[in-house]
Amino acid sequence: MQFTSLGHVQSHLNAGGRMVEVVDSFLARIEAHSQLNVFLDVFSDEVRAQAQAQDALSPEEKAQLPLLGLVLAIKDNIAFKGHRMSAGSRMLQTYTSPFTATALQRLLDAGAVVIGRVNCDEFAMGSSNEKSFYGPVLNPLDPQRVPGGSSGGSAAAVAAGLCVAALGTDTGGSIRQPAAFCGVVGMKPSYGRVSRYGLLAYGSSFDQIGPLTHTVKDAETILAYMAGPDPQDSTSMDSTWEAAAFPSKPLKLVLLKEAMEFKGMNPQVKLAFEQTLNHWKAQGHSIEERSFPLLESLVPTYYVLSTAEASSNLGRYDGIHYGFRSPDAEDLESTYRLSRSQGFGPEVKRRIMTGTFVLSSKFFDAYYLQAQRVRRKIREATDALLQGADALVLPTSPNLPFKFGEKDADPIAMYMEDAFTVQANLAGNPAISLPISIPDSPLYASAQLMAARGADEALLHMSMQLMPGE
């Protein structure tokens, strides 16, 4: 039996099924799909023992575990006590975490189990999942194409039915873009709604943990338990999840004019997206086109700031304090130089060097400070667009998943895959990617909704209203 949602698993359990049957079903599928290179570790014995222990609980004890049946995969940059966490890098290949991330621990406390850790772009830097030290993840929809990144392993695990849901991380679109490429739901919460404690940092003012699922309902359920303030994370919002029902009503959506004029948009993506908008209009929702002249500034601003933060965050991995130490080093200087040269992959080194450049005393004012000013303008402009509206709407990605190696020669073309996703990270708003099927194709297009900061609950309810089957 293939389980596709938490509700599906819980119905099986309520009908007398056993949790160990659910786990065994997923373990069998993982083995059958090993060629996708999704999992770096499968916790077979551990998760079966947990399932057997849950089956042995009394009905009263099971009632205290609202997430019983949630079989999770976790991205390789989320801490899980006693388990490896390498961020897809040689630099941390042998690292075992001594603690568990707050967001994950809250799910475990509610009855979730972790079936394994999944592949990702090295240190979450990439839009294709081709940048992992452990090799690329294949897209289950078409193995000749990338699954998106950096949470490509998480998206592929859900799309292939290898778990109920997966946790990914989103710095500039790294949950939503692979969700779009793999035809699943991916949600980036508002900055601070979910604790970053236990998340290996790439860009500290951007990173967020979020779910990838088959349904919006599962994303809502998972976020309801993950979200909330955390004394271990000073950037976490002091707000708990609001479980109150939101009334269904005609929605006021804002369409970004410049997004629809984007020169690099795939015609199939544009057509599928426009047909979805027309369907929503027919349901009584209004869609107003508004201008957002800062669209072309999003990617440059994001990469100036995120690489600066990456340069700072990854400075600790030097072969002395943390991480891989080169066996070829002969003295202190060569230990630093060779450990970082051999421990990091090309994309990570490119971003560290870019970040070091923009933070240098000669260029700090011209690049970093200027990018911070533009970020403030982007945030203000995003707030203005949402005035009197329920959400912004635009495609998640301008393209369908591309073939492996297709963009290797042009890093800038790869960075432009984030053209429609980085706005939410720069402004701190919640955003969700919803799959749109393409007739006579195994691939999917996508629609992305973005709401006001802190309005995560409303965004999820709008998504369920617009895509009731997802």
Protein backbone atom coordinates (compact mmCIF):
# COMPACT_ATOMS: atom_id res chain seq x y z
CA MET A 1 0.00 0.00 0.00
CA GLN A 2 1.25 3.50 -0.84
CA PHE A 3 0.43 6.16 1.75
CA THR A 4 0.11 9.71 0.43
CA SER A 5 -0.91 11.82 3.43
CA LEU A 6 -1.06 11.86 7.21
CA GLY A 7 -4.82 11.47 7.04
CA HIS A 8 -4.37 8.37 4.87
CA VAL A 9 -2.00 6.79 7.38
CA GLN A 10 -4.17 7.68 10.37
CA SER A 11 -7.24 6.19 8.65
CA HIS A 12 -5.25 2.98 8.19
CA LEU A 13 -4.29 2.97 11.88
CA ASN A 14 -7.83 3.76 13.02
CA ALA A 15 -9.09 0.81 10.96
CA GLY A 16 -6.83 -1.55 12.91
CA GLY A 17 -3.67 -1.25 10.85
CA ARG A 18 -0.29 -1.17 12.52
CA MET A 19 2.37 1.51 12.40
CA VAL A 20 5.03 -1.09 11.62
CA GLU A 21 3.13 -1.91 8.41
CA VAL A 22 3.27 1.75 7.43
CA VAL A 23 7.00 1.96 8.10
CA ASP A 24 7.70 -1.28 6.25
CA SER A 25 5.78 0.03 3.26
CA PHE A 26 7.96 3.14 3.10
CA LEU A 27 11.18 1.17 3.66
CA ALA A 28 10.27 -1.10 0.74
CA ARG A 29 9.63 1.89 -1.51
CA ILE A 30 12.92 3.49 -0.48
CA GLU A 31 14.79 0.34 -1.45
CA ALA A 32 12.90 0.11 -4.74
CA HIS A 33 13.76 3.73 -5.60
CA SER A 34 17.38 3.72 -4.46
CA GLN A 35 18.51 4.79 -7.94
CA LEU A 36 17.09 8.27 -7.26
CA ASN A 37 19.89 8.87 -4.71
CA VAL A 38 17.46 10.53 -2.33
CA PHE A 39 18.51 9.09 1.03
CA LEU A 40 21.96 9.42 2.55
CA ASP A 41 20.96 7.39 5.61
CA VAL A 42 17.89 5.23 6.19
CA PHE A 43 17.20 4.58 9.87
CA SER A 44 15.59 1.18 9.21
CA ASP A 45 16.11 -0.59 12.54
CA GLU A 46 15.49 2.52 14.59
CA VAL A 47 12.24 3.53 12.89
CA ARG A 48 10.87 -0.05 12.96
CA ALA A 49 11.58 -0.24 16.69
CA GLN A 50 9.78 3.07 17.20
CA ALA A 51 6.83 1.86 15.14
CA GLN A 52 6.59 -1.35 17.18
CA ALA A 53 6.69 0.68 20.39
CA GLN A 54 3.88 2.90 19.11
CA ASP A 55 1.79 -0.15 18.16
CA ALA A 56 2.14 -1.38 21.75
CA LEU A 57 0.68 1.80 23.26
CA SER A 58 -2.77 1.86 24.78
CA PRO A 59 -5.55 3.81 23.01
CA GLU A 60 -5.25 6.50 25.69
CA GLU A 61 -1.50 6.81 25.11
CA LYS A 62 -1.96 6.96 21.33
CA ALA A 63 -4.46 9.78 21.79
CA GLN A 64 -1.65 11.83 23.31
CA LEU A 65 0.29 11.61 20.03
CA PRO A 66 -1.62 13.74 17.48
CA LEU A 67 1.07 13.20 14.81
CA LEU A 68 1.07 9.42 15.13
CA GLY A 69 1.60 8.15 11.60
CA LEU A 70 3.76 11.03 10.41
CA VAL A 71 6.79 9.36 8.78
CA LEU A 72 9.33 12.10 8.08
CA ALA A 73 12.44 12.50 6.00
CA ILE A 74 14.77 15.33 7.05
CA LYS A 75 17.15 17.40 4.99
CA ASP A 76 20.83 16.83 5.69
CA ASN A 77 21.28 20.22 7.38
CA ILE A 78 18.76 19.72 10.22
CA ALA A 79 20.17 18.40 13.50
CA PHE A 80 18.93 15.05 14.82
CA LYS A 81 20.65 13.84 17.98
CA GLY A 82 22.92 10.85 17.46
CA HIS A 83 22.67 11.02 13.67
CA ARG A 84 24.91 12.31 10.92
CA MET A 85 24.41 15.84 9.55
CA SER A 86 26.79 16.75 6.73
CA ALA A 87 24.89 19.41 4.73
CA GLY A 88 25.76 17.46 1.60
CA SER A 89 29.45 18.33 2.08
CA ARG A 90 32.76 16.57 2.49
CA MET A 91 33.52 19.22 5.11
CA LEU A 92 31.07 17.62 7.58
CA GLN A 93 31.04 14.08 6.25
CA THR A 94 31.74 12.48 9.65
CA TYR A 95 29.83 14.92 11.90
CA THR A 96 27.24 13.47 14.30
CA SER A 97 24.84 15.90 15.95
CA PRO A 98 24.76 15.96 19.77
CA PHE A 99 21.29 17.56 19.84
CA THR A 100 18.02 17.81 17.91
CA ALA A 101 16.66 20.90 16.17
CA THR A 102 13.75 22.51 18.02
CA ALA A 103 11.39 22.28 15.04
CA LEU A 104 12.08 18.57 14.61
CA GLN A 105 11.89 17.84 18.34
CA ARG A 106 8.40 19.33 18.52
CA LEU A 107 7.24 16.93 15.80
CA LEU A 108 8.89 13.96 17.51
CA ASP A 109 7.20 14.87 20.80
CA ALA A 110 3.84 14.74 19.00
CA GLY A 111 4.43 11.23 17.63
CA ALA A 112 6.32 11.70 14.35
CA VAL A 113 9.15 9.33 13.41
CA VAL A 114 12.16 10.00 11.17
CA ILE A 115 12.85 7.41 8.48
CA GLY A 116 16.11 8.95 7.27
CA ARG A 117 18.12 11.97 6.15
CA VAL A 118 17.99 13.08 2.56
CA ASN A 119 20.42 14.54 0.07
CA CYS A 120 20.73 18.27 -0.62
CA ASP A 121 22.93 20.79 -2.40
CA GLU A 122 26.11 21.38 -0.42
CA PHE A 123 25.44 23.72 2.51
CA ALA A 124 22.02 24.38 0.91
CA MET A 125 23.64 26.32 -1.95
CA GLY A 126 22.03 25.43 -5.25
CA SER A 127 18.86 25.34 -7.32
CA SER A 128 19.18 21.88 -8.84
CA ASN A 129 20.58 19.41 -6.26
CA GLU A 130 23.55 18.81 -8.56
CA LYS A 131 25.96 20.34 -6.01
CA SER A 132 25.98 17.61 -3.36
CA PHE A 133 29.21 15.83 -2.41
CA TYR A 134 27.15 12.61 -2.57
CA GLY A 135 26.00 13.10 -6.16
CA PRO A 136 22.79 14.48 -7.64
CA VAL A 137 19.24 13.50 -6.71
CA LEU A 138 17.11 12.39 -9.67
CA ASN A 139 13.64 13.81 -10.23
CA PRO A 140 11.03 11.02 -9.75
CA LEU A 141 8.86 12.60 -12.46
CA ASP A 142 11.68 12.33 -15.03
CA PRO A 143 15.03 10.91 -13.87
CA GLN A 144 16.87 12.79 -16.61
CA ARG A 145 15.87 16.08 -15.00
CA VAL A 146 16.90 17.82 -11.78
CA PRO A 147 14.54 17.84 -8.78
CA GLY A 148 15.38 21.46 -7.90
CA GLY A 149 17.35 22.63 -4.93
CA SER A 150 18.62 22.86 -2.44
CA SER A 151 15.89 20.72 -0.81
CA GLY A 152 15.73 18.45 -3.84
CA GLY A 153 16.08 15.30 -1.76
CA SER A 154 13.16 16.35 0.44
CA ALA A 155 10.94 17.14 -2.56
CA ALA A 156 11.90 13.95 -4.38
CA ALA A 157 11.25 11.84 -1.26
CA VAL A 158 7.68 13.14 -1.07
CA ALA A 159 7.05 12.96 -4.82
CA ALA A 160 8.26 9.34 -4.98
CA GLY A 161 6.15 8.33 -1.99
CA LEU A 162 9.13 7.49 0.23
CA CYS A 163 7.68 9.26 3.29
CA VAL A 164 4.52 11.06 4.36
CA ALA A 165 6.31 14.42 4.46
CA ALA A 166 9.79 15.88 4.52
CA LEU A 167 11.45 18.84 6.17
CA GLY A 168 13.45 21.18 3.98
CA THR A 169 15.01 24.60 4.40
CA ASP A 170 14.39 27.73 2.38
CA THR A 171 17.00 30.49 2.06
CA GLY A 172 15.99 31.90 -1.32
CA GLY A 173 13.39 29.42 -2.54
CA SER A 174 14.99 26.10 -1.62
CA ILE A 175 11.71 24.55 -0.45
CA ARG A 176 9.37 26.08 -3.02
CA GLN A 177 11.45 25.65 -6.17
CA PRO A 178 12.07 21.89 -5.72
CA ALA A 179 8.42 21.51 -4.69
CA ALA A 180 7.52 23.09 -8.03
CA PHE A 181 9.93 20.85 -9.96
CA CYS A 182 8.65 17.68 -8.26
CA GLY A 183 4.93 18.52 -8.25
CA VAL A 184 4.38 18.70 -4.48
CA VAL A 185 3.42 21.35 -1.92
CA GLY A 186 6.24 23.36 -0.33
CA MET A 187 5.83 26.05 2.33
CA LYS A 188 8.30 28.67 3.56
CA PRO A 189 7.01 30.16 6.82
CA SER A 190 7.39 33.80 7.81
CA TYR A 191 10.91 34.52 9.04
CA GLY A 192 10.89 33.66 12.74
CA ARG A 193 7.70 31.58 12.83
CA VAL A 194 9.77 28.39 13.09
CA SER A 195 12.88 28.18 15.25
CA ARG A 196 16.23 28.00 13.44
CA TYR A 197 17.91 26.32 16.42
CA GLY A 198 19.52 23.16 15.07
CA LEU A 199 19.50 24.36 11.47
CA LEU A 200 22.98 24.55 9.98
CA ALA A 201 23.27 28.20 8.93
CA TYR A 202 23.77 29.41 5.38
CA GLY A 203 22.15 32.87 5.44
CA SER A 204 21.01 33.58 8.97
CA SER A 205 18.62 36.39 8.07
CA PHE A 206 16.99 34.27 5.35
CA ASP A 207 16.91 30.61 6.44
CA GLN A 208 13.67 28.92 7.49
CA ILE A 209 12.67 25.29 8.07
CA GLY A 210 9.44 24.25 6.38
CA PRO A 211 7.46 21.20 5.18
CA LEU A 212 7.15 19.50 1.81
CA THR A 213 3.98 17.45 1.54
CA HIS A 214 1.41 16.01 -0.84
CA THR A 215 -1.36 18.20 0.59
CA VAL A 216 -1.74 21.71 1.99
CA LYS A 217 -3.58 20.20 4.96
CA ASP A 218 -0.50 18.20 5.93
CA ALA A 219 1.67 21.32 5.63
CA GLU A 220 -0.70 23.15 7.97
CA THR A 221 -0.70 20.28 10.49
CA ILE A 222 3.09 20.07 10.56
CA LEU A 223 3.58 23.84 10.90
CA ALA A 224 1.05 24.02 13.72
CA TYR A 225 3.40 21.87 15.82
CA MET A 226 6.73 23.25 14.59
CA ALA A 227 5.89 26.95 14.93
CA GLY A 228 6.21 29.09 18.03
CA PRO A 229 8.76 31.00 20.08
CA ASP A 230 11.96 29.29 21.16
CA PRO A 231 14.28 30.62 23.89
CA GLN A 232 17.16 29.00 21.96
CA ASP A 233 16.51 31.26 18.94
CA SER A 234 16.39 35.00 19.57
CA THR A 235 15.01 35.60 16.06
CA SER A 236 11.93 33.45 16.62
CA MET A 237 8.57 35.25 16.64
CA ASP A 238 6.78 35.55 19.96
CA SER A 239 3.56 34.18 18.51
CA THR A 240 1.87 30.80 18.71
CA TRP A 241 -0.01 29.11 15.92
CA GLU A 242 -3.60 30.31 15.54
CA ALA A 243 -5.82 27.29 14.94
CA ALA A 244 -9.07 29.23 14.44
CA ALA A 245 -10.99 28.48 11.24
CA PHE A 246 -10.81 31.07 8.47
CA PRO A 247 -14.04 31.75 6.58
CA SER A 248 -14.06 30.96 2.88
CA LYS A 249 -14.60 34.13 0.89
CA PRO A 250 -13.76 35.56 -2.53
CA LEU A 251 -10.05 36.35 -2.38
CA LYS A 252 -8.29 39.48 -3.58
CA LEU A 253 -5.06 38.46 -5.25
CA VAL A 254 -2.33 40.66 -6.71
CA LEU A 255 -0.47 39.52 -9.83
CA LEU A 256 2.96 41.01 -10.43
CA LYS A 257 3.00 42.58 -13.89
CA GLU A 258 6.76 42.20 -14.34
CA ALA A 259 6.61 38.49 -13.48
CA MET A 260 4.27 37.83 -16.39
CA GLU A 261 6.62 39.76 -18.68
CA PHE A 262 9.69 37.82 -17.52
CA LYS A 263 11.69 37.01 -20.67
CA GLY A 264 12.96 33.66 -19.50
CA MET A 265 9.60 32.10 -18.64
CA ASN A 266 8.85 28.73 -20.21
CA PRO A 267 5.71 28.92 -22.43
CA GLN A 268 4.22 25.78 -20.86
CA VAL A 269 4.67 27.23 -17.37
CA LYS A 270 3.09 30.52 -18.42
CA LEU A 271 0.12 28.84 -20.11
CA ALA A 272 -0.59 26.50 -17.19
CA PHE A 273 -0.30 29.39 -14.73
CA GLU A 274 -2.63 31.63 -16.75
CA GLN A 275 -5.20 28.84 -17.04
CA THR A 276 -5.10 28.43 -13.26
CA LEU A 277 -5.66 32.16 -12.78
CA ASN A 278 -8.64 32.02 -15.15
CA HIS A 279 -10.06 29.11 -13.17
CA TRP A 280 -9.73 31.09 -9.94
CA LYS A 281 -11.46 34.07 -11.54
CA ALA A 282 -14.31 31.80 -12.61
CA GLN A 283 -14.66 30.76 -8.97
CA GLY A 284 -15.26 34.39 -8.01
CA HIS A 285 -11.79 35.47 -6.87
CA SER A 286 -10.41 38.79 -8.10
CA ILE A 287 -6.92 39.13 -9.54
CA GLU A 288 -5.48 42.62 -9.93
CA GLU A 289 -2.29 43.20 -11.88
CA ARG A 290 0.13 45.59 -10.18
CA SER A 291 3.61 46.75 -11.04
CA PHE A 292 6.68 45.74 -9.04
CA PRO A 293 9.66 47.52 -10.66
CA LEU A 294 12.08 45.97 -8.16
CA LEU A 295 11.71 42.48 -9.63
CA GLU A 296 15.03 42.75 -11.49
CA SER A 297 16.76 43.82 -8.27
CA LEU A 298 15.67 40.77 -6.29
CA VAL A 299 18.29 38.24 -7.39
CA PRO A 300 21.32 40.61 -7.22
CA THR A 301 20.25 41.87 -3.78
CA TYR A 302 19.70 38.37 -2.49
CA TYR A 303 23.05 37.05 -3.70
CA VAL A 304 25.04 39.99 -2.33
CA LEU A 305 23.50 39.58 1.12
CA SER A 306 23.26 35.79 1.28
CA THR A 307 26.84 35.24 0.12
CA ALA A 308 28.04 37.77 2.69
CA GLU A 309 26.27 35.82 5.42
CA ALA A 310 27.58 32.53 4.00
CA SER A 311 31.15 33.86 4.06
CA SER A 312 30.72 34.68 7.73
CA ASN A 313 28.85 31.51 8.75
CA LEU A 314 31.20 29.13 6.94
CA GLY A 315 34.36 30.75 8.30
CA ARG A 316 34.31 28.33 11.24
CA TYR A 317 34.96 25.32 8.97
CA ASP A 318 38.72 25.56 8.74
CA GLY A 319 40.13 22.17 9.68
CA ILE A 320 41.06 23.46 13.12
CA HIS A 321 37.82 24.46 14.83
CA TYR A 322 35.34 22.36 12.83
CA GLY A 323 35.12 20.12 9.83
CA PHE A 324 37.35 18.17 7.48
CA ARG A 325 41.11 18.41 8.03
CA SER A 326 43.29 17.77 5.02
CA PRO A 327 45.75 14.87 5.41
CA ASP A 328 48.08 16.75 3.05
CA ALA A 329 48.61 19.72 5.39
CA GLU A 330 52.11 20.27 6.75
CA ASP A 331 51.69 23.40 8.88
CA LEU A 332 49.03 25.79 10.18
CA GLU A 333 48.71 27.81 6.99
CA SER A 334 48.43 24.77 4.74
CA THR A 335 45.90 23.22 7.16
CA TYR A 336 43.56 26.18 6.68
CA ARG A 337 44.15 26.43 2.95
CA LEU A 338 43.98 22.74 2.03
CA SER A 339 41.17 21.83 4.44
CA ARG A 340 38.88 24.48 2.98
CA SER A 341 39.99 23.89 -0.62
CA GLN A 342 39.44 20.14 -0.39
CA GLY A 343 36.48 20.20 2.01
CA PHE A 344 34.24 22.61 0.09
CA GLY A 345 32.82 22.09 -3.39
CA PRO A 346 33.02 24.62 -6.26
CA GLU A 347 29.66 26.31 -5.65
CA VAL A 348 30.31 26.82 -1.93
CA LYS A 349 33.76 28.24 -2.67
CA ARG A 350 32.25 30.57 -5.29
CA ARG A 351 29.76 31.95 -2.80
CA ILE A 352 32.30 32.28 0.01
CA MET A 353 34.60 34.23 -2.27
CA THR A 354 31.75 36.46 -3.45
CA GLY A 355 30.68 37.11 0.13
CA THR A 356 34.23 37.87 1.22
CA PHE A 357 34.53 40.34 -1.65
CA VAL A 358 31.33 42.27 -0.81
CA LEU A 359 32.32 42.40 2.87
CA SER A 360 35.82 43.70 2.17
CA SER A 361 36.58 47.21 3.40
CA LYS A 362 37.00 48.52 -0.13
CA PHE A 363 33.61 47.33 -1.40
CA PHE A 364 31.49 47.10 1.79
CA ASP A 365 29.66 50.40 1.21
CA ALA A 366 29.21 49.91 -2.53
CA TYR A 367 27.77 46.39 -2.32
CA TYR A 368 26.73 45.17 1.13
CA LEU A 369 25.30 48.39 2.54
CA GLN A 370 23.65 49.25 -0.76
CA ALA A 371 22.04 45.80 -0.88
CA GLN A 372 20.71 46.29 2.65
CA ARG A 373 19.10 49.56 1.55
CA VAL A 374 17.51 47.83 -1.44
CA ARG A 375 16.30 45.03 0.82
CA ARG A 376 14.46 47.58 2.95
CA LYS A 377 12.85 49.02 -0.19
CA ILE A 378 11.82 45.53 -1.31
CA ARG A 379 10.21 44.89 2.05
CA GLU A 380 8.35 48.21 1.96
CA ALA A 381 7.24 47.66 -1.64
CA THR A 382 6.01 44.15 -0.81
CA ASP A 383 3.98 45.52 2.10
CA ALA A 384 2.50 48.14 -0.23
CA LEU A 385 1.51 45.50 -2.79
CA LEU A 386 -0.33 43.56 -0.10
CA GLN A 387 -2.32 46.57 1.08
CA GLY A 388 -5.98 45.71 0.57
CA ALA A 389 -5.11 42.28 -0.85
CA ASP A 390 -5.05 38.78 0.60
CA ALA A 391 -1.96 37.52 -1.21
CA LEU A 392 0.45 38.02 -4.07
CA VAL A 393 0.40 35.37 -6.79
CA LEU A 394 3.11 34.46 -9.29
CA PRO A 395 4.75 31.30 -10.64
CA THR A 396 7.18 29.60 -8.27
CA SER A 397 9.74 28.98 -11.01
CA PRO A 398 9.89 30.47 -14.51
CA ASN A 399 10.91 27.07 -15.89
CA LEU A 400 10.17 23.38 -15.89
CA PRO A 401 12.86 21.15 -14.36
CA PHE A 402 15.88 21.21 -16.65
CA LYS A 403 18.16 18.35 -17.60
CA PHE A 404 21.33 17.56 -15.66
CA GLY A 405 24.30 19.68 -16.68
CA GLU A 406 22.17 22.04 -18.75
CA LYS A 407 23.13 25.14 -16.75
CA ASP A 408 26.60 24.17 -15.57
CA ALA A 409 28.37 26.59 -17.89
CA ASP A 410 26.42 29.63 -16.67
CA PRO A 411 26.06 30.12 -12.89
CA ILE A 412 24.04 33.30 -13.46
CA ALA A 413 21.41 31.35 -15.41
CA MET A 414 21.18 28.98 -12.45
CA TYR A 415 20.80 31.88 -10.02
CA MET A 416 17.92 33.25 -12.12
CA GLU A 417 15.93 30.14 -11.23
CA ASP A 418 15.31 32.01 -7.95
CA ALA A 419 13.85 35.08 -9.69
CA PHE A 420 10.34 34.55 -8.31
CA THR A 421 11.17 33.05 -4.91
CA VAL A 422 13.75 35.33 -3.26
CA GLN A 423 11.25 38.16 -2.68
CA ALA A 424 9.63 36.25 0.19
CA ASN A 425 13.01 35.66 1.85
CA LEU A 426 14.20 39.24 1.42
CA ALA A 427 10.95 40.58 2.89
CA GLY A 428 10.42 37.83 5.48
CA ASN A 429 6.94 36.89 4.21
CA PRO A 430 5.39 33.42 4.14
CA ALA A 431 5.06 31.80 0.71
CA ILE A 432 3.78 28.49 -0.59
CA SER A 433 4.23 26.62 -3.87
CA LEU A 434 1.20 24.75 -5.21
CA PRO A 435 1.52 22.20 -8.06
CA ILE A 436 -0.29 22.69 -11.38
CA SER A 437 -0.55 19.67 -13.64
CA ILE A 438 0.35 20.01 -17.31
CA PRO A 439 -1.83 17.98 -19.73
CA ASP A 440 -0.08 15.03 -21.37
CA SER A 441 3.11 15.60 -19.37
CA PRO A 442 4.59 13.99 -16.25
CA LEU A 443 5.94 17.42 -15.25
CA TYR A 444 4.25 20.17 -13.26
CA ALA A 445 4.06 23.93 -13.37
CA SER A 446 3.35 25.84 -10.15
CA ALA A 447 1.58 28.75 -8.53
CA GLN A 448 3.14 30.61 -5.63
CA LEU A 449 1.14 32.56 -3.06
CA MET A 450 2.74 35.08 -0.71
CA ALA A 451 0.94 36.69 2.24
CA ALA A 452 1.76 39.34 4.82
CA ARG A 453 4.42 38.60 7.45
CA GLY A 454 2.96 36.48 10.21
CA ALA A 455 -0.12 35.52 8.20
CA ASP A 456 1.00 31.92 7.69
CA GLU A 457 -2.28 30.42 8.90
CA ALA A 458 -4.31 32.60 6.53
CA LEU A 459 -1.99 31.70 3.63
CA LEU A 460 -2.54 27.99 4.19
CA HIS A 461 -6.31 28.39 4.39
CA MET A 462 -6.30 30.44 1.17
CA SER A 463 -4.27 27.71 -0.48
CA MET A 464 -6.75 25.03 0.59
CA GLN A 465 -9.57 27.20 -0.74
CA LEU A 466 -7.90 27.70 -4.11
CA MET A 467 -6.54 24.15 -4.44
CA PRO A 468 -8.98 21.99 -2.45
CA GLY A 469 -7.53 18.78 -3.85
CA GLU A 470 -3.96 19.55 -2.81
